[in-house]
């Protein structure tokens, strides 16, 4: 399907080039002089007989004083900003940092000081988790490990292992959390602090 879309974009370049040239009131000869591209090549580009290449499109974009995206009719990109809507569960605030469902998800979590949230015993579920403590302290009980993470520390684990996350206080903890529901793994490994 991606090739079909790419072919459609390339097929639309010729008519767009012809329309721009006519709109500017230029002849093929004048455009050839300005760009250094032969009249026959320009004619074949406009008629679709020649496939547009970057080598040909760059001088044409410059001659028409348009961006390359405008010249080829690239789709406009939307606003890339994510405007998180807070979700509060068991006193923990989750700010989703990704828009799409499924696959890798990113969250900022704000955990108030106190007991574990929602359950008192370690839990297991599908997935893989990576977390980074932005501020405060975080207690991570993971299988036989009982870890205290502070600002700047990260942990990565398979969520099939029994785990429980809490904030031992005294201030709120802010955590960047990446979660892959199908067990996607990250390429960053946290190492324990050397004492």
Protein backbone atom coordinates (compact mmCIF):
# COMPACT_ATOMS: atom_id res chain seq x y z
CA UNK A 1 0.00 0.00 0.00
CA UNK A 2 2.88 2.38 0.79
CA UNK A 3 4.17 1.92 -2.78
CA UNK A 4 0.72 2.76 -4.18
CA UNK A 5 0.70 6.00 -2.17
CA UNK A 6 4.25 6.83 -3.28
CA UNK A 7 3.37 6.15 -6.93
CA UNK A 8 0.32 8.40 -6.63
CA UNK A 9 2.42 11.23 -5.16
CA UNK A 10 5.00 10.89 -7.94
CA UNK A 11 2.30 10.74 -10.64
CA UNK A 12 0.84 14.03 -9.35
CA UNK A 13 4.19 15.86 -9.60
CA UNK A 14 4.06 16.30 -13.40
CA UNK A 15 0.69 18.09 -13.50
CA UNK A 16 1.77 20.19 -10.51
CA UNK A 17 4.97 21.23 -12.31
CA UNK A 18 3.02 22.16 -15.44
CA UNK A 19 0.50 24.18 -13.41
CA UNK A 20 3.28 26.05 -11.57
CA UNK A 21 5.09 26.88 -14.79
CA UNK A 22 1.90 28.15 -16.44
CA UNK A 23 0.94 30.06 -13.31
CA UNK A 24 4.32 31.81 -13.43
CA UNK A 25 3.91 32.50 -17.15
CA UNK A 26 7.18 30.74 -18.02
CA UNK A 27 8.03 28.66 -21.06
CA UNK A 28 9.91 25.37 -20.98
CA UNK A 29 12.88 27.15 -22.60
CA UNK A 30 12.96 29.84 -19.90
CA UNK A 31 12.73 27.22 -17.17
CA UNK A 32 15.50 25.19 -18.81
CA UNK A 33 17.74 28.27 -18.75
CA UNK A 34 17.02 28.95 -15.08
CA UNK A 35 17.43 25.37 -13.87
CA UNK A 36 19.98 23.87 -16.25
CA UNK A 37 17.55 21.02 -17.00
CA UNK A 38 16.97 20.30 -20.69
CA UNK A 39 13.65 21.24 -22.33
CA UNK A 40 12.98 17.62 -23.26
CA UNK A 41 13.53 16.45 -19.66
CA UNK A 42 11.23 19.20 -18.35
CA UNK A 43 8.58 18.24 -20.89
CA UNK A 44 8.80 14.56 -19.95
CA UNK A 45 8.61 15.45 -16.23
CA UNK A 46 5.43 17.47 -16.80
CA UNK A 47 3.82 14.77 -18.95
CA UNK A 48 4.75 11.95 -16.56
CA UNK A 49 7.14 10.36 -19.06
CA UNK A 50 10.08 10.89 -16.70
CA UNK A 51 10.13 9.94 -13.06
CA UNK A 52 10.95 12.93 -10.82
CA UNK A 53 14.17 12.62 -8.86
CA UNK A 54 15.59 14.77 -6.10
CA UNK A 55 18.31 15.91 -8.51
CA UNK A 56 15.62 17.34 -10.82
CA UNK A 57 13.17 18.57 -8.18
CA UNK A 58 15.61 20.65 -6.13
CA UNK A 59 16.45 23.15 -8.92
CA UNK A 60 12.74 23.33 -9.85
CA UNK A 61 11.73 24.09 -6.26
CA UNK A 62 14.37 26.82 -6.19
CA UNK A 63 13.21 28.26 -9.52
CA UNK A 64 9.57 28.32 -8.41
CA UNK A 65 10.53 29.52 -4.90
CA UNK A 66 8.50 26.79 -3.20
CA UNK A 67 9.48 24.11 -0.72
CA UNK A 68 10.16 20.61 -1.95
CA UNK A 69 7.12 19.44 0.06
CA UNK A 70 4.91 21.93 -1.79
CA UNK A 71 6.39 20.91 -5.12
CA UNK A 72 5.58 17.23 -4.64
CA UNK A 73 2.36 17.82 -2.71
CA UNK A 74 3.53 16.12 0.47
CA UNK A 75 0.76 15.83 3.04
CA UNK A 76 0.84 18.41 5.80
CA UNK A 77 1.99 17.10 9.13
CA UNK A 78 -0.34 17.62 12.02
CA UNK A 79 0.47 19.20 15.32
CA UNK A 80 2.97 16.75 16.86
CA UNK A 81 2.36 17.93 20.43
CA UNK A 82 0.70 15.54 22.82
CA UNK A 83 -1.63 17.26 25.26
CA UNK A 84 -1.93 14.78 28.10
CA UNK A 85 -5.22 14.45 29.94
CA UNK A 86 -4.49 13.35 33.52
CA UNK A 87 -5.94 10.04 34.71
CA UNK A 88 -6.07 9.47 38.48
CA UNK A 89 -6.21 5.88 39.77
CA UNK A 90 -5.85 4.99 43.44
CA UNK A 91 -4.25 8.40 44.13
CA UNK A 92 -1.64 8.07 41.34
CA UNK A 93 -1.78 10.60 38.50
CA UNK A 94 -0.98 9.22 35.04
CA UNK A 95 -0.22 11.62 32.19
CA UNK A 96 -0.25 9.73 28.85
CA UNK A 97 2.63 10.92 26.63
CA UNK A 98 1.69 8.86 23.57
CA UNK A 99 -1.46 9.08 21.46
CA UNK A 100 -1.82 5.72 19.81
CA UNK A 101 -3.19 2.68 21.54
CA UNK A 102 -1.27 -0.56 21.43
CA UNK A 103 2.47 -0.89 21.13
CA UNK A 104 4.84 1.02 23.33
CA UNK A 105 3.14 3.51 25.66
CA UNK A 106 4.77 6.39 27.56
CA UNK A 107 3.43 7.93 30.78
CA UNK A 108 4.52 10.39 33.40
CA UNK A 109 3.34 9.21 36.80
CA UNK A 110 3.04 11.27 39.94
CA UNK A 111 2.87 9.08 43.04
CA UNK A 112 2.00 10.69 46.39
CA UNK A 113 3.88 9.38 49.43
CA UNK A 114 2.32 6.37 51.08
CA UNK A 115 1.29 2.78 50.63
CA UNK A 116 1.11 0.86 47.33
CA UNK A 117 -1.74 1.89 45.08
CA UNK A 118 -4.67 -0.37 44.31
CA UNK A 119 -3.17 -3.53 45.81
CA UNK A 120 -0.85 -4.58 48.61
CA UNK A 121 0.77 -7.62 47.01
CA UNK A 122 3.08 -7.80 43.97
CA UNK A 123 1.19 -8.30 40.70
CA UNK A 124 2.04 -9.87 37.33
CA UNK A 125 0.68 -9.12 33.86
CA UNK A 126 1.61 -9.15 30.18
CA UNK A 127 4.26 -6.69 29.10
CA UNK A 128 7.63 -5.14 29.70
CA UNK A 129 8.24 -1.98 31.69
CA UNK A 130 10.94 0.67 31.88
CA UNK A 131 10.82 3.47 34.43
CA UNK A 132 12.98 6.48 35.21
CA UNK A 133 12.68 8.45 38.45
CA UNK A 134 12.52 12.16 37.66
CA UNK A 135 12.16 13.32 41.28
CA UNK A 136 11.45 11.84 44.70
CA UNK A 137 11.96 8.21 45.64
CA UNK A 138 10.37 5.02 44.39
CA UNK A 139 10.27 1.59 45.99
CA UNK A 140 10.24 -1.29 43.51
CA UNK A 141 9.59 -4.77 44.83
CA UNK A 142 10.48 -7.06 41.94
CA UNK A 143 10.47 -10.82 42.56
CA UNK A 144 13.05 -11.32 45.35
CA UNK A 145 14.46 -7.77 45.01
CA UNK A 146 13.40 -4.80 47.13
CA UNK A 147 14.92 -1.67 45.56
CA UNK A 148 14.84 2.01 46.45
CA UNK A 149 15.25 4.17 43.33
CA UNK A 150 16.04 7.88 43.55
CA UNK A 151 16.05 10.71 40.99
CA UNK A 152 18.12 9.79 37.94
CA UNK A 153 17.84 6.02 38.39
CA UNK A 154 16.07 3.66 35.99
CA UNK A 155 14.75 0.12 36.11
CA UNK A 156 13.69 -2.25 33.34
CA UNK A 157 11.78 -5.49 33.90
CA UNK A 158 9.49 -8.13 32.49
CA UNK A 159 6.05 -7.62 34.06
CA UNK A 160 5.55 -11.39 34.25
CA UNK A 161 7.77 -11.09 37.36
CA UNK A 162 5.80 -10.21 40.51
CA UNK A 163 6.24 -6.48 41.09
CA UNK A 164 4.89 -3.70 43.29
CA UNK A 165 5.71 0.00 42.99
CA UNK A 166 5.21 2.49 45.82
CA UNK A 167 6.48 5.84 47.06
CA UNK A 168 8.13 5.64 50.50
CA UNK A 169 8.03 9.47 50.73
CA UNK A 170 8.39 11.97 52.12
CA UNK A 171 7.54 13.95 48.94
CA UNK A 172 5.67 12.99 45.74
CA UNK A 173 7.64 10.94 43.23
CA UNK A 174 7.59 11.78 39.51
CA UNK A 175 8.37 8.90 37.18
CA UNK A 176 8.71 8.52 33.43
CA UNK A 177 7.28 5.13 32.53
CA UNK A 178 7.42 3.19 29.24
CA UNK A 179 5.28 0.11 28.92
CA UNK A 180 5.10 -2.45 26.12
CA UNK A 181 2.00 -4.63 26.47
CA UNK A 182 3.30 -7.42 24.22
CA UNK A 183 6.68 -7.54 25.93
CA UNK A 184 8.51 -5.06 23.71
CA UNK A 185 11.93 -4.46 25.17
CA UNK A 186 13.91 -1.26 25.23
CA UNK A 187 17.57 -1.07 24.35
CA UNK A 188 18.64 0.80 27.50
CA UNK A 189 19.84 -1.19 30.49
CA UNK A 190 20.05 0.25 33.99
CA UNK A 191 22.97 -0.88 36.07
CA UNK A 192 22.92 -0.84 39.91
CA UNK A 193 24.84 1.98 41.55
CA UNK A 194 28.39 1.02 42.53
CA UNK A 195 28.99 1.67 46.22
